[in-house]
């Protein structure tokens, strides 16, 4: 049974070697915010203050009462966890 299984796998790998390569899908047609991500020379910039996505994220963080001090506490907790596990 092991020989039959391994031979079946070898035949499958042999035929898969001759498959045509998959073409790259342009996801920016579906998600326009992805346009220009793979172009060389484009820098990722911080979101602008008038950006509606940044405003929505700021509103979500304010509603959840997540502030800089809470994020700092999370960072120190992760550092101490790393030190304890080391």
C-alpha atoms as a PDB file:
ATOM      1  CA  UNK A   1       0.000   0.000   0.000  1.00  0.00           C
ATOM      2  CA  UNK A   2       2.860   2.365   0.794  1.00  0.00           C
ATOM      3  CA  UNK A   3       4.456   1.724  -2.601  1.00  0.00           C
ATOM      4  CA  UNK A   4       1.162   2.342  -4.414  1.00  0.00           C
ATOM      5  CA  UNK A   5       0.643   5.598  -2.501  1.00  0.00           C
ATOM      6  CA  UNK A   6       4.152   6.856  -3.200  1.00  0.00           C
ATOM      7  CA  UNK A   7       3.918   5.961  -6.892  1.00  0.00           C
ATOM      8  CA  UNK A   8       0.567   7.773  -7.125  1.00  0.00           C
ATOM      9  CA  UNK A   9       2.119  10.843  -5.524  1.00  0.00           C
ATOM     10  CA  UNK A  10       5.074  10.683  -7.932  1.00  0.00           C
ATOM     11  CA  UNK A  11       2.729  10.524 -10.938  1.00  0.00           C
ATOM     12  CA  UNK A  12       0.744  13.516  -9.633  1.00  0.00           C
ATOM     13  CA  UNK A  13       3.934  15.559  -9.126  1.00  0.00           C
ATOM     14  CA  UNK A  14       5.185  14.557 -12.577  1.00  0.00           C
ATOM     15  CA  UNK A  15       2.034  15.840 -14.302  1.00  0.00           C
ATOM     16  CA  UNK A  16       1.874  18.982 -12.159  1.00  0.00           C
ATOM     17  CA  UNK A  17       5.339  19.960 -13.408  1.00  0.00           C
ATOM     18  CA  UNK A  18       3.884  20.525 -16.887  1.00  0.00           C
ATOM     19  CA  UNK A  19       0.965  22.729 -15.831  1.00  0.00           C
ATOM     20  CA  UNK A  20       1.065  26.284 -17.153  1.00  0.00           C
ATOM     21  CA  UNK A  21       2.017  28.854 -14.519  1.00  0.00           C
ATOM     22  CA  UNK A  22      -0.810  30.714 -12.848  1.00  0.00           C
ATOM     23  CA  UNK A  23      -1.313  34.256 -14.041  1.00  0.00           C
ATOM     24  CA  UNK A  24      -1.084  37.042 -11.499  1.00  0.00           C
ATOM     25  CA  UNK A  25      -4.469  38.532 -10.703  1.00  0.00           C
ATOM     26  CA  UNK A  26      -4.785  42.329 -10.602  1.00  0.00           C
ATOM     27  CA  UNK A  27      -6.494  42.759  -7.217  1.00  0.00           C
ATOM     28  CA  UNK A  28      -6.564  46.545  -7.607  1.00  0.00           C
ATOM     29  CA  UNK A  29      -9.561  46.071  -9.911  1.00  0.00           C
ATOM     30  CA  UNK A  30     -11.514  44.650  -6.971  1.00  0.00           C
ATOM     31  CA  UNK A  31      -9.831  46.631  -4.183  1.00  0.00           C
ATOM     32  CA  UNK A  32      -8.878  50.083  -5.528  1.00  0.00           C
ATOM     33  CA  UNK A  33      -6.964  50.944  -2.356  1.00  0.00           C
ATOM     34  CA  UNK A  34      -4.331  48.395  -3.398  1.00  0.00           C
ATOM     35  CA  UNK A  35      -3.476  50.317  -6.567  1.00  0.00           C
ATOM     36  CA  UNK A  36       0.183  51.300  -6.696  1.00  0.00           C
ATOM     37  CA  UNK A  37       1.373  49.089  -3.835  1.00  0.00           C
ATOM     38  CA  UNK A  38       3.782  47.074  -5.972  1.00  0.00           C
ATOM     39  CA  UNK A  39       5.185  49.941  -7.988  1.00  0.00           C
ATOM     40  CA  UNK A  40       8.808  50.745  -7.178  1.00  0.00           C
ATOM     41  CA  UNK A  41       9.499  54.157  -5.741  1.00  0.00           C
ATOM     42  CA  UNK A  42       6.156  54.550  -4.019  1.00  0.00           C
ATOM     43  CA  UNK A  43       6.473  55.371  -0.351  1.00  0.00           C
ATOM     44  CA  UNK A  44       3.908  54.362   2.214  1.00  0.00           C
ATOM     45  CA  UNK A  45       2.893  57.568   3.895  1.00  0.00           C
ATOM     46  CA  UNK A  46       1.077  58.208   7.115  1.00  0.00           C
ATOM     47  CA  UNK A  47      -2.633  58.798   6.633  1.00  0.00           C
ATOM     48  CA  UNK A  48      -3.585  62.418   6.317  1.00  0.00           C
ATOM     49  CA  UNK A  49      -5.650  64.111   9.007  1.00  0.00           C
ATOM     50  CA  UNK A  50      -8.558  64.552   6.575  1.00  0.00           C
ATOM     51  CA  UNK A  51      -8.492  60.904   5.526  1.00  0.00           C
ATOM     52  CA  UNK A  52     -11.913  59.353   6.308  1.00  0.00           C
ATOM     53  CA  UNK A  53     -10.349  55.973   7.125  1.00  0.00           C
ATOM     54  CA  UNK A  54      -7.994  57.575   9.644  1.00  0.00           C
ATOM     55  CA  UNK A  55     -10.893  59.518  11.149  1.00  0.00           C
ATOM     56  CA  UNK A  56     -12.952  56.345  11.468  1.00  0.00           C
ATOM     57  CA  UNK A  57     -10.039  54.519  13.106  1.00  0.00           C
ATOM     58  CA  UNK A  58      -9.499  57.394  15.538  1.00  0.00           C
ATOM     59  CA  UNK A  59     -13.203  57.339  16.406  1.00  0.00           C
ATOM     60  CA  UNK A  60     -13.106  53.569  16.990  1.00  0.00           C
ATOM     61  CA  UNK A  61     -10.078  53.894  19.273  1.00  0.00           C
ATOM     62  CA  UNK A  62     -11.739  56.709  21.209  1.00  0.00           C
ATOM     63  CA  UNK A  63     -14.967  54.711  21.600  1.00  0.00           C
ATOM     64  CA  UNK A  64     -13.027  51.689  22.852  1.00  0.00           C
ATOM     65  CA  UNK A  65     -11.100  53.958  25.281  1.00  0.00           C
ATOM     66  CA  UNK A  66      -7.740  52.833  23.902  1.00  0.00           C
ATOM     67  CA  UNK A  67      -5.182  55.524  24.565  1.00  0.00           C
ATOM     68  CA  UNK A  68      -1.405  55.853  24.343  1.00  0.00           C
ATOM     69  CA  UNK A  69      -0.947  54.828  27.975  1.00  0.00           C
ATOM     70  CA  UNK A  70      -2.841  51.570  27.398  1.00  0.00           C
ATOM     71  CA  UNK A  71      -0.687  50.805  24.357  1.00  0.00           C
ATOM     72  CA  UNK A  72       2.466  51.575  26.381  1.00  0.00           C
ATOM     73  CA  UNK A  73       1.268  49.208  29.131  1.00  0.00           C
ATOM     74  CA  UNK A  74       0.715  46.526  26.509  1.00  0.00           C
ATOM     75  CA  UNK A  75       4.249  47.069  25.190  1.00  0.00           C
ATOM     76  CA  UNK A  76       5.826  46.807  28.641  1.00  0.00           C
ATOM     77  CA  UNK A  77       3.754  43.713  29.390  1.00  0.00           C
ATOM     78  CA  UNK A  78       4.966  42.046  26.199  1.00  0.00           C
ATOM     79  CA  UNK A  79       8.574  42.994  27.027  1.00  0.00           C
ATOM     80  CA  UNK A  80       8.300  41.476  30.494  1.00  0.00           C
ATOM     81  CA  UNK A  81       6.697  38.360  29.023  1.00  0.00           C
ATOM     82  CA  UNK A  82       9.592  38.039  26.602  1.00  0.00           C
ATOM     83  CA  UNK A  83      12.112  38.474  29.412  1.00  0.00           C
ATOM     84  CA  UNK A  84      10.343  35.910  31.604  1.00  0.00           C
ATOM     85  CA  UNK A  85      10.200  33.342  28.823  1.00  0.00           C
ATOM     86  CA  UNK A  86      13.870  33.904  27.993  1.00  0.00           C
END
